[in-house]
Every structure is written in C-alpha cells, then in structure tokens.
Amino acid sequence: MKTKKMVVIAGIVLGLGAASQIVEHSVDKTAVKNYVETNFTEQDDNETNFNFKDEEENTFFEWIGF
C-alpha cells in the first residue's frame, strides 16, 4: 500500500514537471519580452544587486520544472 502511494506521488510530481516544461517551451518569449518592456517601467535603484545565474547552469530540479 505504501509503495503504491509513493508511485502515485512520484507520477504526479513527474507529470507536473513535464507539464511545466511543455508550457515553458510553448511560451512566445519575444511576445512576453515586448509586453514586459511596454507595460512595466524600470526603477533606478543602484543599491539593488541581483545575482542571476546563467541559464546554462540548471540543476535537476530546475530541469524538471521546479
């Protein structure tokens, strides 16, 4: 009974991760970029430092959609 629950939970997690990847790849990135550029303004705050990672450095959890 426990293994059946674990298999169901693992299937749900993998299914959600796969669905997330499909949605991410189907989004028109240029349209999103244009929407953001036209509807949001940039604030001049020099003290804010965001340390974004390269998109090439993906962990397993990022790869499956988390």
PDB file of N, CA and C in Angstrom:
ATOM      1  N   MET A   1       0.816  -1.191   0.000  1.00  0.00           N
ATOM      2  CA  MET A   1       0.000   0.000   0.000  1.00  0.00           C
ATOM      3  C   MET A   1       0.863   1.259   0.000  1.00  0.00           C
ATOM      4  N   LYS A   2       1.958   1.238   0.805  1.00  0.00           N
ATOM      5  CA  LYS A   2       2.839   2.398   0.847  1.00  0.00           C
ATOM      6  C   LYS A   2       3.536   2.613  -0.490  1.00  0.00           C
ATOM      7  N   THR A   3       3.953   1.528  -1.111  1.00  0.00           N
ATOM      8  CA  THR A   3       4.659   1.680  -2.384  1.00  0.00           C
ATOM      9  C   THR A   3       3.722   2.213  -3.464  1.00  0.00           C
ATOM     10  N   LYS A   4       2.475   1.821  -3.393  1.00  0.00           N
ATOM     11  CA  LYS A   4       1.502   2.311  -4.367  1.00  0.00           C
ATOM     12  C   LYS A   4       1.316   3.820  -4.219  1.00  0.00           C
ATOM     13  N   LYS A   5       1.244   4.310  -2.975  1.00  0.00           N
ATOM     14  CA  LYS A   5       1.130   5.744  -2.733  1.00  0.00           C
ATOM     15  C   LYS A   5       2.366   6.477  -3.217  1.00  0.00           C
ATOM     16  N   MET A   6       3.529   5.900  -2.966  1.00  0.00           N
ATOM     17  CA  MET A   6       4.778   6.538  -3.396  1.00  0.00           C
ATOM     18  C   MET A   6       4.867   6.609  -4.918  1.00  0.00           C
ATOM     19  N   VAL A   7       4.422   5.556  -5.592  1.00  0.00           N
ATOM     20  CA  VAL A   7       4.421   5.549  -7.052  1.00  0.00           C
ATOM     21  C   VAL A   7       3.468   6.604  -7.596  1.00  0.00           C
ATOM     22  N   VAL A   8       2.304   6.745  -6.977  1.00  0.00           N
ATOM     23  CA  VAL A   8       1.333   7.750  -7.404  1.00  0.00           C
ATOM     24  C   VAL A   8       1.892   9.150  -7.190  1.00  0.00           C
ATOM     25  N   ILE A   9       2.500   9.394  -6.028  1.00  0.00           N
ATOM     26  CA  ILE A   9       3.083  10.708  -5.745  1.00  0.00           C
ATOM     27  C   ILE A   9       4.212  11.008  -6.717  1.00  0.00           C
ATOM     28  N   ALA A  10       5.084  10.039  -6.979  1.00  0.00           N
ATOM     29  CA  ALA A  10       6.180  10.243  -7.926  1.00  0.00           C
ATOM     30  C   ALA A  10       5.628  10.523  -9.326  1.00  0.00           C
ATOM     31  N   GLY A  11       4.578   9.830  -9.722  1.00  0.00           N
ATOM     32  CA  GLY A  11       3.960  10.067 -11.029  1.00  0.00           C
ATOM     33  C   GLY A  11       3.373  11.455 -11.132  1.00  0.00           C
ATOM     34  N   ILE A  12       2.749  11.921 -10.059  1.00  0.00           N
ATOM     35  CA  ILE A  12       2.175  13.272 -10.057  1.00  0.00           C
ATOM     36  C   ILE A  12       3.277  14.314 -10.163  1.00  0.00           C
ATOM     37  N   VAL A  13       4.339  14.137  -9.390  1.00  0.00           N
ATOM     38  CA  VAL A  13       5.448  15.096  -9.415  1.00  0.00           C
ATOM     39  C   VAL A  13       6.093  15.137 -10.797  1.00  0.00           C
ATOM     40  N   LEU A  14       6.348  13.983 -11.373  1.00  0.00           N
ATOM     41  CA  LEU A  14       6.954  13.948 -12.710  1.00  0.00           C
ATOM     42  C   LEU A  14       6.003  14.504 -13.765  1.00  0.00           C
ATOM     43  N   GLY A  15       4.727  14.231 -13.625  1.00  0.00           N
ATOM     44  CA  GLY A  15       3.738  14.762 -14.567  1.00  0.00           C
ATOM     45  C   GLY A  15       3.656  16.280 -14.505  1.00  0.00           C
ATOM     46  N   LEU A  16       3.677  16.834 -13.297  1.00  0.00           N
ATOM     47  CA  LEU A  16       3.666  18.291 -13.158  1.00  0.00           C
ATOM     48  C   LEU A  16       4.942  18.917 -13.714  1.00  0.00           C
ATOM     49  N   GLY A  17       6.066  18.264 -13.480  1.00  0.00           N
ATOM     50  CA  GLY A  17       7.322  18.762 -14.023  1.00  0.00           C
ATOM     51  C   GLY A  17       7.323  18.745 -15.545  1.00  0.00           C
ATOM     52  N   ALA A  18       6.811  17.682 -16.130  1.00  0.00           N
ATOM     53  CA  ALA A  18       6.737  17.590 -17.590  1.00  0.00           C
ATOM     54  C   ALA A  18       5.782  18.638 -18.145  1.00  0.00           C
ATOM     55  N   ALA A  19       4.652  18.825 -17.497  1.00  0.00           N
ATOM     56  CA  ALA A  19       3.693  19.843 -17.947  1.00  0.00           C
ATOM     57  C   ALA A  19       4.303  21.235 -17.859  1.00  0.00           C
ATOM     58  N   SER A  20       5.061  21.486 -16.815  1.00  0.00           N
ATOM     59  CA  SER A  20       5.723  22.778 -16.651  1.00  0.00           C
ATOM     60  C   SER A  20       6.717  23.026 -17.786  1.00  0.00           C
ATOM     61  N   GLN A  21       7.464  22.007 -18.145  1.00  0.00           N
ATOM     62  CA  GLN A  21       8.435  22.156 -19.233  1.00  0.00           C
ATOM     63  C   GLN A  21       7.738  22.398 -20.566  1.00  0.00           C
ATOM     64  N   ILE A  22       6.637  21.728 -20.802  1.00  0.00           N
ATOM     65  CA  ILE A  22       5.893  21.913 -22.056  1.00  0.00           C
ATOM     66  C   ILE A  22       5.355  23.335 -22.144  1.00  0.00           C
ATOM     67  N   VAL A  23       4.811  23.839 -21.033  1.00  0.00           N
ATOM     68  CA  VAL A  23       4.282  25.203 -21.026  1.00  0.00           C
ATOM     69  C   VAL A  23       5.407  26.208 -21.216  1.00  0.00           C
ATOM     70  N   GLU A  24       6.529  25.983 -20.557  1.00  0.00           N
ATOM     71  CA  GLU A  24       7.654  26.911 -20.667  1.00  0.00           C
ATOM     72  C   GLU A  24       8.183  26.979 -22.099  1.00  0.00           C
ATOM     73  N   HIS A  25       8.258  25.854 -22.765  1.00  0.00           N
ATOM     74  CA  HIS A  25       8.784  25.841 -24.132  1.00  0.00           C
ATOM     75  C   HIS A  25       7.759  26.349 -25.151  1.00  0.00           C
ATOM     76  N   SER A  26       6.491  26.361 -24.787  1.00  0.00           N
ATOM     77  CA  SER A  26       5.484  26.822 -25.740  1.00  0.00           C
ATOM     78  C   SER A  26       5.202  28.315 -25.625  1.00  0.00           C
ATOM     79  N   VAL A  27       5.772  28.982 -24.622  1.00  0.00           N
ATOM     80  CA  VAL A  27       5.551  30.413 -24.437  1.00  0.00           C
ATOM     81  C   VAL A  27       6.383  31.177 -25.464  1.00  0.00           C
ATOM     82  N   ASP A  28       5.760  32.162 -26.108  1.00  0.00           N
ATOM     83  CA  ASP A  28       6.459  33.003 -27.073  1.00  0.00           C
ATOM     84  C   ASP A  28       7.269  34.038 -26.302  1.00  0.00           C
ATOM     85  N   LYS A  29       8.577  33.807 -26.209  1.00  0.00           N
ATOM     86  CA  LYS A  29       9.425  34.644 -25.368  1.00  0.00           C
ATOM     87  C   LYS A  29       9.554  36.066 -25.887  1.00  0.00           C
ATOM     88  N   THR A  30       9.524  36.256 -27.178  1.00  0.00           N
ATOM     89  CA  THR A  30       9.622  37.614 -27.706  1.00  0.00           C
ATOM     90  C   THR A  30       8.355  38.409 -27.392  1.00  0.00           C
ATOM     91  N   ALA A  31       7.201  37.758 -27.435  1.00  0.00           N
ATOM     92  CA  ALA A  31       5.953  38.446 -27.094  1.00  0.00           C
ATOM     93  C   ALA A  31       5.938  38.830 -25.616  1.00  0.00           C
ATOM     94  N   VAL A  32       6.420  37.939 -24.760  1.00  0.00           N
ATOM     95  CA  VAL A  32       6.484  38.239 -23.332  1.00  0.00           C
ATOM     96  C   VAL A  32       7.450  39.395 -23.089  1.00  0.00           C
ATOM     97  N   LYS A  33       8.589  39.377 -23.774  1.00  0.00           N
ATOM     98  CA  LYS A  33       9.575  40.449 -23.619  1.00  0.00           C
ATOM     99  C   LYS A  33       8.984  41.789 -24.050  1.00  0.00           C
ATOM    100  N   ASN A  34       8.307  41.809 -25.174  1.00  0.00           N
ATOM    101  CA  ASN A  34       7.692  43.055 -25.639  1.00  0.00           C
ATOM    102  C   ASN A  34       6.616  43.542 -24.681  1.00  0.00           C
ATOM    103  N   TYR A  35       5.816  42.637 -24.147  1.00  0.00           N
ATOM    104  CA  TYR A  35       4.777  43.008 -23.188  1.00  0.00           C
ATOM    105  C   TYR A  35       5.380  43.614 -21.925  1.00  0.00           C
ATOM    106  N   VAL A  36       6.429  42.986 -21.433  1.00  0.00           N
ATOM    107  CA  VAL A  36       7.069  43.478 -20.216  1.00  0.00           C
ATOM    108  C   VAL A  36       7.711  44.837 -20.461  1.00  0.00           C
ATOM    109  N   GLU A  37       8.369  44.990 -21.605  1.00  0.00           N
ATOM    110  CA  GLU A  37       9.027  46.259 -21.894  1.00  0.00           C
ATOM    111  C   GLU A  37       8.039  47.399 -22.055  1.00  0.00           C
ATOM    112  N   THR A  38       6.855  47.120 -22.579  1.00  0.00           N
ATOM    113  CA  THR A  38       5.896  48.199 -22.796  1.00  0.00           C
ATOM    114  C   THR A  38       5.027  48.482 -21.580  1.00  0.00           C
ATOM    115  N   ASN A  39       4.789  47.500 -20.719  1.00  0.00           N
ATOM    116  CA  ASN A  39       3.846  47.685 -19.613  1.00  0.00           C
ATOM    117  C   ASN A  39       4.493  47.880 -18.243  1.00  0.00           C
ATOM    118  N   PHE A  40       5.784  47.665 -18.121  1.00  0.00           N
ATOM    119  CA  PHE A  40       6.453  47.831 -16.839  1.00  0.00           C
ATOM    120  C   PHE A  40       7.573  48.847 -16.993  1.00  0.00           C
ATOM    121  N   THR A  41       7.773  49.640 -15.959  1.00  0.00           N
ATOM    122  CA  THR A  41       8.833  50.646 -16.003  1.00  0.00           C
ATOM    123  C   THR A  41       9.995  50.184 -15.147  1.00  0.00           C
ATOM    124  N   GLU A  42      11.176  50.610 -15.541  1.00  0.00           N
ATOM    125  CA  GLU A  42      12.380  50.252 -14.809  1.00  0.00           C
ATOM    126  C   GLU A  42      12.641  51.303 -13.745  1.00  0.00           C
ATOM    127  N   GLN A  43      12.976  50.844 -12.562  1.00  0.00           N
ATOM    128  CA  GLN A  43      13.259  51.767 -11.474  1.00  0.00           C
ATOM    129  C   GLN A  43      14.766  51.913 -11.329  1.00  0.00           C
ATOM    130  N   ASP A  44      15.215  53.144 -11.098  1.00  0.00           N
ATOM    131  CA  ASP A  44      16.638  53.392 -10.921  1.00  0.00           C
ATOM    132  C   ASP A  44      17.003  53.223  -9.455  1.00  0.00           C
ATOM    133  N   ASP A  45      17.444  52.052  -9.119  1.00  0.00           N
ATOM    134  CA  ASP A  45      17.867  51.745  -7.760  1.00  0.00           C
ATOM    135  C   ASP A  45      19.229  51.071  -7.863  1.00  0.00           C
ATOM    136  N   ASN A  46      20.268  51.822  -7.649  1.00  0.00           N
ATOM    137  CA  ASN A  46      21.626  51.303  -7.838  1.00  0.00           C
ATOM    138  C   ASN A  46      22.064  50.373  -6.726  1.00  0.00           C
ATOM    139  N   GLU A  47      21.385  50.382  -5.596  1.00  0.00           N
ATOM    140  CA  GLU A  47      21.780  49.536  -4.481  1.00  0.00           C
ATOM    141  C   GLU A  47      21.300  48.098  -4.635  1.00  0.00           C
ATOM    142  N   THR A  48      20.359  47.868  -5.517  1.00  0.00           N
ATOM    143  CA  THR A  48      19.837  46.526  -5.722  1.00  0.00           C
ATOM    144  C   THR A  48      20.811  45.734  -6.581  1.00  0.00           C
ATOM    145  N   ASN A  49      21.202  44.568  -6.093  1.00  0.00           N
ATOM    146  CA  ASN A  49      22.137  43.724  -6.829  1.00  0.00           C
ATOM    147  C   ASN A  49      21.543  42.323  -6.926  1.00  0.00           C
ATOM    148  N   PHE A  50      21.106  41.986  -8.110  1.00  0.00           N
ATOM    149  CA  PHE A  50      20.570  40.652  -8.338  1.00  0.00           C
ATOM    150  C   PHE A  50      21.668  39.793  -8.930  1.00  0.00           C
ATOM    151  N   ASN A  51      21.931  38.677  -8.307  1.00  0.00           N
ATOM    152  CA  ASN A  51      22.954  37.757  -8.812  1.00  0.00           C
ATOM    153  C   ASN A  51      22.249  36.621  -9.542  1.00  0.00           C
ATOM    154  N   PHE A  52      21.923  36.873 -10.806  1.00  0.00           N
ATOM    155  CA  PHE A  52      21.262  35.853 -11.602  1.00  0.00           C
ATOM    156  C   PHE A  52      22.292  34.851 -12.098  1.00  0.00           C
ATOM    157  N   LYS A  53      21.894  33.594 -12.089  1.00  0.00           N
ATOM    158  CA  LYS A  53      22.770  32.560 -12.619  1.00  0.00           C
ATOM    159  C   LYS A  53      22.596  32.493 -14.134  1.00  0.00           C
ATOM    160  N   ASP A  54      23.581  31.939 -14.783  1.00  0.00           N
ATOM    161  CA  ASP A  54      23.455  31.695 -16.214  1.00  0.00           C
ATOM    162  C   ASP A  54      22.359  30.668 -16.444  1.00  0.00           C
ATOM    163  N   GLU A  55      21.677  30.788 -17.581  1.00  0.00           N
ATOM    164  CA  GLU A  55      20.634  29.818 -17.901  1.00  0.00           C
ATOM    165  C   GLU A  55      21.214  28.444 -18.203  1.00  0.00           C
ATOM    166  N   GLU A  56      22.506  28.407 -18.487  1.00  0.00           N
ATOM    167  CA  GLU A  56      23.150  27.131 -18.795  1.00  0.00           C
ATOM    168  C   GLU A  56      23.303  26.275 -17.532  1.00  0.00           C
ATOM    169  N   GLU A  57      23.368  26.892 -16.362  1.00  0.00           N
ATOM    170  CA  GLU A  57      23.569  26.168 -15.119  1.00  0.00           C
ATOM    171  C   GLU A  57      22.222  25.746 -14.545  1.00  0.00           C
ATOM    172  N   ASN A  58      21.708  24.624 -14.964  1.00  0.00           N
ATOM    173  CA  ASN A  58      20.424  24.135 -14.477  1.00  0.00           C
ATOM    174  C   ASN A  58      20.641  22.911 -13.606  1.00  0.00           C
ATOM    175  N   THR A  59      20.010  22.908 -12.437  1.00  0.00           N
ATOM    176  CA  THR A  59      20.058  21.734 -11.593  1.00  0.00           C
ATOM    177  C   THR A  59      18.977  20.760 -12.064  1.00  0.00           C
ATOM    178  N   PHE A  60      18.967  19.596 -11.483  1.00  0.00           N
ATOM    179  CA  PHE A  60      17.979  18.594 -11.859  1.00  0.00           C
ATOM    180  C   PHE A  60      16.573  19.098 -11.585  1.00  0.00           C
ATOM    181  N   PHE A  61      16.377  19.777 -10.434  1.00  0.00           N
ATOM    182  CA  PHE A  61      15.042  20.261 -10.082  1.00  0.00           C
ATOM    183  C   PHE A  61      14.588  21.366 -11.025  1.00  0.00           C
ATOM    184  N   GLU A  62      15.501  22.216 -11.481  1.00  0.00           N
ATOM    185  CA  GLU A  62      15.129  23.237 -12.465  1.00  0.00           C
ATOM    186  C   GLU A  62      14.794  22.584 -13.791  1.00  0.00           C
ATOM    187  N   TRP A  63      15.502  21.518 -14.127  1.00  0.00           N
ATOM    188  CA  TRP A  63      15.277  20.830 -15.395  1.00  0.00           C
ATOM    189  C   TRP A  63      13.889  20.191 -15.443  1.00  0.00           C
ATOM    190  N   ILE A  64      13.413  19.660 -14.286  1.00  0.00           N
ATOM    191  CA  ILE A  64      12.091  19.029 -14.284  1.00  0.00           C
ATOM    192  C   ILE A  64      10.996  20.018 -13.961  1.00  0.00           C
ATOM    193  N   GLY A  65      11.323  21.299 -13.768  1.00  0.00           N
ATOM    194  CA  GLY A  65      10.297  22.323 -13.672  1.00  0.00           C
ATOM    195  C   GLY A  65      10.059  22.899 -12.290  1.00  0.00           C
ATOM    196  N   PHE A  66      10.964  22.675 -11.368  1.00  0.00           N
ATOM    197  CA  PHE A  66      10.778  23.244 -10.025  1.00  0.00           C
ATOM    198  C   PHE A  66      11.745  24.362  -9.794  1.00  0.00           C
TER     199      PHE A  66
END
